[in-house]
Amino acid sequence: MRKGSWLLPVALLLAACGSEDASVRPAANRKPNYFDVKGLLDTQIAELNRRQPAVEKQVRLRNGKIETTRVAKTDWNKELQVFYQADINKPALRGAYSETDSAAGQPDGVKVYKLVAPDAKAPVVSLAVNTPGAVPSTAQELTAIVRQDNALFYSEKRLRLRTQSGALKEYEVQGVQKLIMFDTVYYTVRTRVLD
C-alpha cells in the first residue's frame, strides 16, 4: 500500500463536513415570517418559572357549572403548551397566511394573520396580535382559532392571551370537541395570574 493513500478519504470527509449551507441552518437562526408566538411564549414561561406567581382558574364544563380554584405552584411549560399550537412560523406554512394591519373592528396596532386557502391542512385558522408600536416582538393580546377536522374527530379552540407591561396577566381557552358517535363537549378555562 502506498504511503499517504489514507489522505484522499480524509480529504473527502473533511470536504463533506465543510461550511454549513444556509438552507440547513437551524430554525432558531431564521427570522420568523409571521409574529413569533414561540418566542413570546418561551420568554413568558422563563419569567413565570422564575417568579412562580399563584393563579386563579375558572373552569366550565359540560353542565355549565363554573368551578374556581387557586393554584399556588404551576408547571408553566405544561400550562401554556396549548398556545404553542398557534405558532404559524413552521417551514411548511410559509405563504399560507395573509397579513393585514388593524382589521375593521380591531384597535390600531393589531396584525391579523388568516389562512389563505380554507382547505389547507394548517390547524391555525386565524391569529390576531395586538403589539405595542415600539416593540413588535411582544404582544399585549394574542387571539387564535385552532381547528382540527377529519372524519372521526372535530376540535376547535379559541385561544386568548393578554399581557400587561410585558408580563402575562390572563389567558383563556374556549373549546369544542366532537368524536364520532359521542356527545359534543364544550369547555372554557380562564386563568388569571396573581401578583
N, C-alpha and C. Protein backbone atom coordinates (compact mmCIF):
# COMPACT_ATOMS: atom_id res chain seq x y z
N MET A 1 0.84 -1.17 0.00
CA MET A 1 0.00 0.00 0.00
C MET A 1 0.88 1.23 0.00
N ARG A 2 0.50 2.22 -0.82
CA ARG A 2 1.32 3.42 -0.93
C ARG A 2 1.19 4.29 0.30
N LYS A 3 2.26 4.93 0.61
CA LYS A 3 2.30 5.86 1.74
C LYS A 3 1.43 7.07 1.41
N GLY A 4 0.54 7.49 2.32
CA GLY A 4 -0.29 8.66 2.11
C GLY A 4 -1.62 8.36 1.43
N SER A 5 -1.92 7.08 1.13
CA SER A 5 -3.19 6.76 0.47
C SER A 5 -4.40 7.02 1.37
N TRP A 6 -4.18 7.18 2.62
CA TRP A 6 -5.29 7.48 3.55
C TRP A 6 -5.68 8.95 3.47
N LEU A 7 -4.87 9.79 2.83
CA LEU A 7 -5.16 11.22 2.75
C LEU A 7 -6.40 11.52 1.90
N LEU A 8 -6.60 10.78 0.82
CA LEU A 8 -7.74 11.04 -0.06
C LEU A 8 -9.08 10.85 0.68
N PRO A 9 -9.31 9.73 1.38
CA PRO A 9 -10.57 9.58 2.10
C PRO A 9 -10.76 10.65 3.19
N VAL A 10 -9.68 11.01 3.88
CA VAL A 10 -9.78 12.03 4.92
C VAL A 10 -10.12 13.38 4.29
N ALA A 11 -9.50 13.71 3.17
CA ALA A 11 -9.78 14.97 2.48
C ALA A 11 -11.24 15.03 2.02
N LEU A 12 -11.76 13.91 1.49
CA LEU A 12 -13.16 13.86 1.07
C LEU A 12 -14.10 14.03 2.26
N LEU A 13 -13.75 13.39 3.37
CA LEU A 13 -14.58 13.50 4.58
C LEU A 13 -14.61 14.94 5.08
N LEU A 14 -13.48 15.60 5.10
CA LEU A 14 -13.42 16.99 5.54
C LEU A 14 -14.18 17.92 4.61
N ALA A 15 -14.13 17.64 3.31
CA ALA A 15 -14.86 18.45 2.33
C ALA A 15 -16.36 18.29 2.52
N ALA A 16 -16.79 17.08 2.85
CA ALA A 16 -18.22 16.83 3.08
C ALA A 16 -18.71 17.53 4.33
N CYS A 17 -17.83 17.71 5.29
CA CYS A 17 -18.20 18.38 6.54
C CYS A 17 -17.90 19.87 6.48
N GLY A 18 -17.75 20.41 5.29
CA GLY A 18 -17.39 21.82 5.11
C GLY A 18 -18.41 22.78 5.66
N SER A 19 -18.37 24.01 5.16
CA SER A 19 -19.22 25.07 5.69
C SER A 19 -20.70 24.71 5.53
N GLU A 20 -21.48 25.17 6.51
CA GLU A 20 -22.91 24.84 6.57
C GLU A 20 -23.68 25.67 5.55
N ASP A 21 -24.51 25.04 4.80
CA ASP A 21 -25.36 25.71 3.83
C ASP A 21 -26.47 26.45 4.56
N ALA A 22 -26.83 27.64 4.09
CA ALA A 22 -27.87 28.45 4.75
C ALA A 22 -29.22 27.74 4.75
N SER A 23 -29.46 26.87 3.80
CA SER A 23 -30.76 26.21 3.73
C SER A 23 -30.95 25.16 4.82
N VAL A 24 -29.87 24.71 5.46
CA VAL A 24 -29.99 23.74 6.53
C VAL A 24 -29.66 24.34 7.89
N ARG A 25 -29.65 25.65 7.96
CA ARG A 25 -29.44 26.31 9.24
C ARG A 25 -30.54 25.96 10.21
N PRO A 26 -30.24 25.87 11.50
CA PRO A 26 -31.29 25.58 12.47
C PRO A 26 -32.36 26.66 12.44
N ALA A 27 -33.59 26.26 12.75
CA ALA A 27 -34.72 27.19 12.73
C ALA A 27 -34.53 28.35 13.69
N ALA A 28 -33.76 28.15 14.76
CA ALA A 28 -33.55 29.20 15.75
C ALA A 28 -32.84 30.41 15.14
N ASN A 29 -32.07 30.20 14.07
CA ASN A 29 -31.34 31.30 13.45
C ASN A 29 -32.13 32.01 12.37
N ARG A 30 -33.28 31.49 11.99
CA ARG A 30 -34.08 32.10 10.94
C ARG A 30 -35.01 33.14 11.51
N LYS A 31 -35.24 34.19 10.73
CA LYS A 31 -36.18 35.23 11.13
C LYS A 31 -37.60 34.72 10.84
N PRO A 32 -38.50 34.81 11.82
CA PRO A 32 -39.86 34.32 11.58
C PRO A 32 -40.57 35.12 10.49
N ASN A 33 -41.38 34.44 9.69
CA ASN A 33 -42.17 35.11 8.65
C ASN A 33 -43.32 35.89 9.26
N TYR A 34 -43.90 35.35 10.31
CA TYR A 34 -45.07 35.94 10.95
C TYR A 34 -44.70 36.30 12.39
N PHE A 35 -45.68 36.69 13.18
CA PHE A 35 -45.40 37.02 14.58
C PHE A 35 -44.80 35.79 15.28
N ASP A 36 -43.80 36.01 16.12
CA ASP A 36 -43.06 34.94 16.78
C ASP A 36 -43.79 34.48 18.05
N VAL A 37 -44.81 33.65 17.88
CA VAL A 37 -45.59 33.14 19.02
C VAL A 37 -44.69 32.32 19.94
N LYS A 38 -43.86 31.47 19.37
CA LYS A 38 -42.97 30.62 20.17
C LYS A 38 -42.02 31.47 21.01
N GLY A 39 -41.44 32.51 20.42
CA GLY A 39 -40.54 33.38 21.16
C GLY A 39 -41.24 34.07 22.32
N LEU A 40 -42.46 34.55 22.07
CA LEU A 40 -43.24 35.19 23.13
C LEU A 40 -43.50 34.21 24.27
N LEU A 41 -43.94 33.00 23.94
CA LEU A 41 -44.24 32.01 24.97
C LEU A 41 -43.00 31.57 25.73
N ASP A 42 -41.90 31.36 25.02
CA ASP A 42 -40.65 30.97 25.69
C ASP A 42 -40.22 32.03 26.70
N THR A 43 -40.34 33.31 26.33
CA THR A 43 -39.98 34.41 27.24
C THR A 43 -40.90 34.44 28.45
N GLN A 44 -42.20 34.30 28.22
CA GLN A 44 -43.17 34.33 29.32
C GLN A 44 -42.95 33.15 30.27
N ILE A 45 -42.73 31.97 29.72
CA ILE A 45 -42.53 30.78 30.56
C ILE A 45 -41.29 30.93 31.42
N ALA A 46 -40.20 31.43 30.84
CA ALA A 46 -38.97 31.62 31.62
C ALA A 46 -39.22 32.59 32.78
N GLU A 47 -39.91 33.68 32.51
CA GLU A 47 -40.19 34.66 33.56
C GLU A 47 -41.14 34.11 34.62
N LEU A 48 -42.18 33.41 34.19
CA LEU A 48 -43.14 32.83 35.15
C LEU A 48 -42.50 31.73 35.99
N ASN A 49 -41.64 30.93 35.40
CA ASN A 49 -40.93 29.91 36.19
C ASN A 49 -40.01 30.56 37.22
N ARG A 50 -39.45 31.70 36.88
CA ARG A 50 -38.59 32.42 37.82
C ARG A 50 -39.41 33.01 38.97
N ARG A 51 -40.56 33.65 38.65
CA ARG A 51 -41.39 34.32 39.66
C ARG A 51 -42.29 33.37 40.43
N GLN A 52 -42.80 32.33 39.77
CA GLN A 52 -43.75 31.38 40.33
C GLN A 52 -44.96 32.05 41.00
N PRO A 53 -45.71 32.87 40.24
CA PRO A 53 -46.89 33.50 40.82
C PRO A 53 -48.04 32.50 40.96
N ALA A 54 -48.93 32.77 41.87
CA ALA A 54 -50.14 31.96 42.02
C ALA A 54 -51.10 32.32 40.89
N VAL A 55 -52.04 31.43 40.59
CA VAL A 55 -53.04 31.70 39.57
C VAL A 55 -54.42 31.35 40.10
N GLU A 56 -55.41 32.02 39.53
CA GLU A 56 -56.81 31.71 39.82
C GLU A 56 -57.42 31.17 38.54
N LYS A 57 -57.99 29.96 38.62
CA LYS A 57 -58.55 29.30 37.44
C LYS A 57 -60.05 29.15 37.59
N GLN A 58 -60.73 29.41 36.48
CA GLN A 58 -62.16 29.14 36.38
C GLN A 58 -62.35 28.14 35.25
N VAL A 59 -63.06 27.06 35.55
CA VAL A 59 -63.30 26.01 34.57
C VAL A 59 -64.80 25.80 34.44
N ARG A 60 -65.27 25.80 33.19
CA ARG A 60 -66.68 25.49 32.92
C ARG A 60 -66.71 24.31 31.98
N LEU A 61 -67.42 23.27 32.40
CA LEU A 61 -67.51 22.05 31.59
C LEU A 61 -68.92 21.83 31.11
N ARG A 62 -69.22 20.59 30.81
CA ARG A 62 -70.46 20.17 30.18
C ARG A 62 -71.73 20.70 30.85
N ASN A 63 -71.82 20.66 32.16
CA ASN A 63 -73.06 21.05 32.84
C ASN A 63 -73.21 22.57 32.97
N GLY A 64 -72.25 23.35 32.54
CA GLY A 64 -72.32 24.80 32.61
C GLY A 64 -71.90 25.39 33.94
N LYS A 65 -71.69 24.53 34.92
CA LYS A 65 -71.28 25.00 36.25
C LYS A 65 -69.82 25.45 36.22
N ILE A 66 -69.55 26.58 36.87
CA ILE A 66 -68.19 27.13 36.89
C ILE A 66 -67.53 26.78 38.22
N GLU A 67 -66.35 26.22 38.14
CA GLU A 67 -65.56 25.93 39.33
C GLU A 67 -64.35 26.85 39.33
N THR A 68 -64.08 27.46 40.49
CA THR A 68 -62.94 28.36 40.63
C THR A 68 -61.98 27.78 41.65
N THR A 69 -60.72 27.82 41.33
CA THR A 69 -59.70 27.33 42.25
C THR A 69 -58.45 28.21 42.17
N ARG A 70 -57.72 28.23 43.23
CA ARG A 70 -56.45 28.97 43.28
C ARG A 70 -55.32 27.96 43.33
N VAL A 71 -54.34 28.14 42.46
CA VAL A 71 -53.20 27.22 42.36
C VAL A 71 -51.94 27.99 42.74
N ALA A 72 -51.22 27.46 43.74
CA ALA A 72 -50.02 28.16 44.23
C ALA A 72 -48.79 27.92 43.36
N LYS A 73 -48.63 26.70 42.84
CA LYS A 73 -47.45 26.38 42.04
C LYS A 73 -47.92 25.78 40.71
N THR A 74 -47.37 26.29 39.63
CA THR A 74 -47.80 25.90 38.30
C THR A 74 -46.60 25.46 37.46
N ASP A 75 -46.77 24.39 36.70
CA ASP A 75 -45.77 23.98 35.72
C ASP A 75 -46.09 24.75 34.44
N TRP A 76 -45.41 25.86 34.22
CA TRP A 76 -45.75 26.78 33.13
C TRP A 76 -45.52 26.18 31.76
N ASN A 77 -44.58 25.26 31.64
CA ASN A 77 -44.38 24.58 30.35
C ASN A 77 -45.64 23.83 29.94
N LYS A 78 -46.23 23.11 30.86
CA LYS A 78 -47.46 22.37 30.57
C LYS A 78 -48.65 23.31 30.47
N GLU A 79 -48.68 24.30 31.33
CA GLU A 79 -49.84 25.20 31.40
C GLU A 79 -50.05 25.97 30.10
N LEU A 80 -48.99 26.43 29.48
CA LEU A 80 -49.11 27.24 28.27
C LEU A 80 -48.87 26.44 26.99
N GLN A 81 -48.74 25.13 27.10
CA GLN A 81 -48.44 24.28 25.95
C GLN A 81 -49.47 24.45 24.82
N VAL A 82 -50.73 24.60 25.17
CA VAL A 82 -51.78 24.72 24.15
C VAL A 82 -51.57 25.94 23.26
N PHE A 83 -50.94 26.99 23.78
CA PHE A 83 -50.73 28.21 22.99
C PHE A 83 -49.66 28.02 21.92
N TYR A 84 -48.77 27.05 22.09
CA TYR A 84 -47.79 26.75 21.05
C TYR A 84 -48.46 26.27 19.77
N GLN A 85 -49.70 25.77 19.88
CA GLN A 85 -50.43 25.34 18.70
C GLN A 85 -50.73 26.52 17.77
N ALA A 86 -50.68 27.75 18.29
CA ALA A 86 -50.96 28.95 17.49
C ALA A 86 -49.74 29.43 16.70
N ASP A 87 -48.62 28.71 16.80
CA ASP A 87 -47.40 29.10 16.09
C ASP A 87 -47.56 28.81 14.60
N ILE A 88 -47.49 29.84 13.78
CA ILE A 88 -47.63 29.67 12.33
C ILE A 88 -46.31 29.86 11.59
N ASN A 89 -45.19 29.82 12.32
CA ASN A 89 -43.88 30.02 11.71
C ASN A 89 -43.18 28.72 11.32
N LYS A 90 -43.92 27.66 11.13
CA LYS A 90 -43.32 26.40 10.70
C LYS A 90 -42.99 26.50 9.21
N PRO A 91 -41.88 25.89 8.79
CA PRO A 91 -41.49 25.99 7.37
C PRO A 91 -42.59 25.56 6.40
N ALA A 92 -43.37 24.56 6.74
CA ALA A 92 -44.43 24.09 5.84
C ALA A 92 -45.55 25.11 5.68
N LEU A 93 -45.62 26.11 6.54
CA LEU A 93 -46.71 27.10 6.49
C LEU A 93 -46.29 28.41 5.82
N ARG A 94 -45.09 28.46 5.25
CA ARG A 94 -44.66 29.68 4.56
C ARG A 94 -45.62 30.03 3.46
N GLY A 95 -46.12 31.25 3.46
CA GLY A 95 -47.02 31.72 2.43
C GLY A 95 -48.46 31.25 2.60
N ALA A 96 -48.75 30.52 3.68
CA ALA A 96 -50.11 30.00 3.89
C ALA A 96 -51.04 31.04 4.50
N TYR A 97 -50.48 32.15 4.99
CA TYR A 97 -51.29 33.16 5.69
C TYR A 97 -51.14 34.53 5.05
N SER A 98 -52.26 35.26 5.03
CA SER A 98 -52.21 36.66 4.62
C SER A 98 -52.05 37.48 5.89
N GLU A 99 -51.40 38.63 5.77
CA GLU A 99 -51.16 39.50 6.92
C GLU A 99 -51.79 40.86 6.65
N THR A 100 -52.62 41.33 7.57
CA THR A 100 -53.21 42.66 7.45
C THR A 100 -53.02 43.40 8.76
N ASP A 101 -52.96 44.71 8.66
CA ASP A 101 -52.83 45.56 9.84
C ASP A 101 -54.19 46.14 10.21
N SER A 102 -54.48 46.16 11.50
CA SER A 102 -55.67 46.81 12.05
C SER A 102 -56.91 46.57 11.21
N ALA A 103 -57.41 45.36 11.29
CA ALA A 103 -58.63 44.99 10.57
C ALA A 103 -59.82 45.77 11.11
N ALA A 104 -60.87 45.82 10.34
CA ALA A 104 -62.08 46.53 10.76
C ALA A 104 -62.56 45.98 12.09
N GLY A 105 -62.88 46.87 13.01
CA GLY A 105 -63.33 46.47 14.33
C GLY A 105 -62.21 46.17 15.30
N GLN A 106 -60.96 46.26 14.84
CA GLN A 106 -59.81 46.00 15.69
C GLN A 106 -59.11 47.33 16.01
N PRO A 107 -58.54 47.46 17.21
CA PRO A 107 -57.79 48.68 17.52
C PRO A 107 -56.50 48.76 16.71
N ASP A 108 -55.92 49.98 16.64
CA ASP A 108 -54.65 50.15 15.93
C ASP A 108 -53.58 49.27 16.56
N GLY A 109 -52.62 48.84 15.76
CA GLY A 109 -51.52 48.02 16.25
C GLY A 109 -51.83 46.53 16.21
N VAL A 110 -52.95 46.15 15.61
CA VAL A 110 -53.32 44.74 15.54
C VAL A 110 -52.93 44.18 14.17
N LYS A 111 -52.19 43.09 14.19
CA LYS A 111 -51.88 42.36 12.96
C LYS A 111 -52.75 41.11 12.97
N VAL A 112 -53.38 40.86 11.83
CA VAL A 112 -54.24 39.70 11.70
C VAL A 112 -53.67 38.80 10.61
N TYR A 113 -53.46 37.53 10.94
CA TYR A 113 -52.96 36.53 10.01
C TYR A 113 -54.11 35.56 9.76
N LYS A 114 -54.50 35.42 8.49
CA LYS A 114 -55.59 34.50 8.14
C LYS A 114 -55.10 33.49 7.13
N LEU A 115 -55.58 32.28 7.29
CA LEU A 115 -55.25 31.21 6.37
C LEU A 115 -55.76 31.56 4.98
N VAL A 116 -54.88 31.53 3.99
CA VAL A 116 -55.23 31.94 2.63
C VAL A 116 -56.20 30.95 1.99
N ALA A 117 -55.88 29.68 2.04
CA ALA A 117 -56.73 28.65 1.44
C ALA A 117 -57.46 27.91 2.55
N PRO A 118 -58.78 28.08 2.65
CA PRO A 118 -59.51 27.43 3.75
C PRO A 118 -59.40 25.91 3.78
N ASP A 119 -59.07 25.29 2.64
CA ASP A 119 -58.94 23.84 2.61
C ASP A 119 -57.52 23.37 2.95
N ALA A 120 -56.63 24.30 3.29
CA ALA A 120 -55.26 23.94 3.65
C ALA A 120 -55.28 23.11 4.94
N LYS A 121 -54.25 22.31 5.12
CA LYS A 121 -54.17 21.41 6.27
C LYS A 121 -53.63 22.09 7.53
N ALA A 122 -53.39 23.38 7.50
CA ALA A 122 -52.87 24.10 8.66
C ALA A 122 -53.94 24.20 9.74
N PRO A 123 -53.61 23.91 10.99
CA PRO A 123 -54.62 23.93 12.04
C PRO A 123 -55.02 25.34 12.49
N VAL A 124 -54.14 26.32 12.33
CA VAL A 124 -54.45 27.68 12.78
C VAL A 124 -55.24 28.39 11.68
N VAL A 125 -56.50 28.71 11.99
CA VAL A 125 -57.37 29.38 11.03
C VAL A 125 -57.05 30.86 10.99
N SER A 126 -56.88 31.46 12.18
CA SER A 126 -56.52 32.88 12.24
C SER A 126 -55.74 33.16 13.52
N LEU A 127 -54.94 34.21 13.44
CA LEU A 127 -54.14 34.67 14.57
C LEU A 127 -54.17 36.19 14.53
N ALA A 128 -54.53 36.81 15.65
CA ALA A 128 -54.52 38.27 15.75
C ALA A 128 -53.63 38.65 16.92
N VAL A 129 -52.75 39.61 16.67
CA VAL A 129 -51.78 40.03 17.68
C VAL A 129 -51.82 41.54 17.81
N ASN A 130 -52.07 42.01 19.02
CA ASN A 130 -52.04 43.43 19.33
C ASN A 130 -50.69 43.72 19.95
N THR A 131 -49.83 44.44 19.23
CA THR A 131 -48.48 44.72 19.72
C THR A 131 -48.31 46.19 20.00
N PRO A 132 -47.53 46.52 21.04
CA PRO A 132 -47.19 47.91 21.25
C PRO A 132 -46.33 48.38 20.08
N GLY A 133 -46.54 49.58 19.59
CA GLY A 133 -45.86 50.09 18.40
C GLY A 133 -44.36 49.94 18.40
N ALA A 134 -43.70 50.22 19.53
CA ALA A 134 -42.24 50.24 19.55
C ALA A 134 -41.63 48.85 19.70
N VAL A 135 -42.40 47.89 20.17
CA VAL A 135 -41.85 46.57 20.45
C VAL A 135 -42.67 45.49 19.72
N PRO A 136 -42.38 45.25 18.42
CA PRO A 136 -43.19 44.30 17.66
C PRO A 136 -43.04 42.84 18.08
N SER A 137 -42.02 42.50 18.88
CA SER A 137 -41.83 41.10 19.27
C SER A 137 -42.61 40.73 20.53
N THR A 138 -43.29 41.70 21.14
CA THR A 138 -44.11 41.41 22.30
C THR A 138 -45.57 41.61 21.92
N ALA A 139 -46.45 41.11 22.74
CA ALA A 139 -47.87 41.23 22.44
C ALA A 139 -48.62 41.66 23.69
N GLN A 140 -49.57 42.58 23.53
CA GLN A 140 -50.45 42.91 24.63
C GLN A 140 -51.60 41.92 24.67
N GLU A 141 -52.00 41.48 23.48
CA GLU A 141 -53.05 40.46 23.40
C GLU A 141 -52.84 39.62 22.15
N LEU A 142 -53.05 38.33 22.32
CA LEU A 142 -52.92 37.39 21.22
C LEU A 142 -54.18 36.53 21.23
N THR A 143 -54.84 36.42 20.09
CA THR A 143 -56.00 35.54 19.96
C THR A 143 -55.80 34.65 18.75
N ALA A 144 -56.28 33.43 18.85
CA ALA A 144 -56.12 32.49 17.75
C ALA A 144 -57.29 31.51 17.72
N ILE A 145 -57.58 31.03 16.53
CA ILE A 145 -58.54 29.95 16.36
C ILE A 145 -57.78 28.78 15.77
N VAL A 146 -57.80 27.65 16.48
CA VAL A 146 -57.10 26.45 16.06
C VAL A 146 -58.15 25.37 15.84
N ARG A 147 -58.13 24.77 14.65
CA ARG A 147 -59.18 23.81 14.30
C ARG A 147 -58.57 22.53 13.75
N GLN A 148 -59.18 21.42 14.11
CA GLN A 148 -58.82 20.11 13.56
C GLN A 148 -60.11 19.43 13.15
N ASP A 149 -60.18 18.97 11.91
CA ASP A 149 -61.42 18.39 11.40
C ASP A 149 -61.09 17.24 10.48
N ASN A 150 -61.58 16.06 10.84
CA ASN A 150 -61.44 14.90 9.96
C ASN A 150 -62.68 14.03 10.12
N ALA A 151 -62.71 12.88 9.51
CA ALA A 151 -63.91 12.04 9.51
C ALA A 151 -64.28 11.52 10.90
N LEU A 152 -63.32 11.41 11.80
CA LEU A 152 -63.58 10.85 13.13
C LEU A 152 -63.66 11.88 14.24
N PHE A 153 -63.09 13.06 14.02
CA PHE A 153 -62.87 13.98 15.13
C PHE A 153 -62.97 15.43 14.65
N TYR A 154 -63.64 16.26 15.45
CA TYR A 154 -63.67 17.70 15.21
C TYR A 154 -63.29 18.39 16.51
N SER A 155 -62.41 19.35 16.40
CA SER A 155 -61.98 20.11 17.56
C SER A 155 -61.73 21.56 17.14
N GLU A 156 -62.19 22.49 17.96
CA GLU A 156 -61.88 23.90 17.72
C GLU A 156 -61.57 24.54 19.06
N LYS A 157 -60.47 25.30 19.08
CA LYS A 157 -60.07 26.03 20.28
C LYS A 157 -59.94 27.50 19.93
N ARG A 158 -60.48 28.33 20.79
CA ARG A 158 -60.29 29.78 20.70
C ARG A 158 -59.38 30.17 21.85
N LEU A 159 -58.19 30.63 21.49
CA LEU A 159 -57.17 30.95 22.47
C LEU A 159 -57.06 32.46 22.63
N ARG A 160 -56.90 32.92 23.85
CA ARG A 160 -56.66 34.35 24.11
C ARG A 160 -55.65 34.47 25.23
N LEU A 161 -54.64 35.29 25.01
CA LEU A 161 -53.59 35.52 25.99
C LEU A 161 -53.36 37.02 26.08
N ARG A 162 -53.34 37.57 27.30
CA ARG A 162 -53.17 39.01 27.47
C ARG A 162 -52.02 39.30 28.41
N THR A 163 -51.17 40.25 28.01
CA THR A 163 -50.06 40.69 28.87
C THR A 163 -50.25 42.15 29.24
N GLN A 164 -49.56 42.54 30.29
CA GLN A 164 -49.55 43.95 30.70
C GLN A 164 -48.13 44.28 31.12
N SER A 165 -47.57 45.30 30.52
CA SER A 165 -46.17 45.69 30.76
C SER A 165 -45.22 44.52 30.54
N GLY A 166 -45.52 43.70 29.54
CA GLY A 166 -44.65 42.59 29.19
C GLY A 166 -44.82 41.33 30.02
N ALA A 167 -45.71 41.36 31.02
CA ALA A 167 -45.91 40.20 31.89
C ALA A 167 -47.30 39.60 31.65
N LEU A 168 -47.37 38.29 31.62
CA LEU A 168 -48.64 37.60 31.40
C LEU A 168 -49.62 37.92 32.54
N LYS A 169 -50.84 38.32 32.16
CA LYS A 169 -51.87 38.66 33.15
C LYS A 169 -53.01 37.66 33.16
N GLU A 170 -53.46 37.24 31.96
CA GLU A 170 -54.56 36.28 31.90
C GLU A 170 -54.55 35.57 30.56
N TYR A 171 -55.17 34.41 30.56
CA TYR A 171 -55.32 33.65 29.32
C TYR A 171 -56.57 32.80 29.43
N GLU A 172 -57.07 32.42 28.25
CA GLU A 172 -58.34 31.71 28.18
C GLU A 172 -58.33 30.74 27.01
N VAL A 173 -58.94 29.59 27.22
CA VAL A 173 -59.13 28.60 26.16
C VAL A 173 -60.61 28.22 26.15
N GLN A 174 -61.27 28.46 25.04
CA GLN A 174 -62.66 28.01 24.85
C GLN A 174 -62.61 26.96 23.77
N GLY A 175 -63.27 25.84 24.01
CA GLY A 175 -63.16 24.78 23.03
C GLY A 175 -64.40 23.96 22.87
N VAL A 176 -64.42 23.23 21.78
CA VAL A 176 -65.46 22.26 21.49
C VAL A 176 -64.78 21.04 20.89
N GLN A 177 -65.22 19.85 21.33
CA GLN A 177 -64.69 18.61 20.79
C GLN A 177 -65.85 17.69 20.46
N LYS A 178 -65.74 17.03 19.33
CA LYS A 178 -66.77 16.09 18.91
C LYS A 178 -66.10 14.87 18.32
N LEU A 179 -66.28 13.73 18.99
CA LEU A 179 -65.82 12.45 18.47
C LEU A 179 -67.01 11.76 17.84
N ILE A 180 -66.78 11.07 16.75
CA ILE A 180 -67.87 10.38 16.08
C ILE A 180 -68.54 9.42 17.08
N MET A 181 -69.86 9.43 17.10
CA MET A 181 -70.69 8.60 17.97
C MET A 181 -70.63 8.99 19.45
N PHE A 182 -70.09 10.16 19.78
CA PHE A 182 -70.07 10.65 21.16
C PHE A 182 -70.68 12.04 21.19
N ASP A 183 -71.07 12.48 22.38
CA ASP A 183 -71.63 13.82 22.55
C ASP A 183 -70.56 14.88 22.30
N THR A 184 -71.03 16.05 21.91
CA THR A 184 -70.14 17.20 21.76
C THR A 184 -69.83 17.75 23.14
N VAL A 185 -68.57 18.07 23.39
CA VAL A 185 -68.14 18.61 24.68
C VAL A 185 -67.67 20.04 24.47
N TYR A 186 -68.25 20.96 25.24
CA TYR A 186 -67.83 22.37 25.24
C TYR A 186 -67.13 22.63 26.56
N TYR A 187 -66.08 23.44 26.53
CA TYR A 187 -65.38 23.75 27.77
C TYR A 187 -64.77 25.15 27.67
N THR A 188 -64.56 25.75 28.82
CA THR A 188 -63.89 27.06 28.91
C THR A 188 -62.97 27.03 30.13
N VAL A 189 -61.74 27.47 29.95
CA VAL A 189 -60.80 27.61 31.05
C VAL A 189 -60.27 29.04 31.01
N ARG A 190 -60.49 29.78 32.08
CA ARG A 190 -59.96 31.13 32.21
C ARG A 190 -58.98 31.15 33.37
N THR A 191 -57.84 31.74 33.15
CA THR A 191 -56.82 31.80 34.20
C THR A 191 -56.31 33.22 34.34
N ARG A 192 -56.21 33.65 35.59
CA ARG A 192 -55.70 34.98 35.90
C ARG A 192 -54.43 34.80 36.73
N VAL A 193 -53.35 35.45 36.32
CA VAL A 193 -52.08 35.38 37.04
C VAL A 193 -52.13 36.41 38.17
N LEU A 194 -51.91 35.95 39.39
CA LEU A 194 -51.94 36.85 40.55
C LEU A 194 -50.53 37.33 40.86
N ASP A 195 -50.41 38.57 41.22
CA ASP A 195 -49.07 39.12 41.53
C ASP A 195 -48.61 38.77 42.92
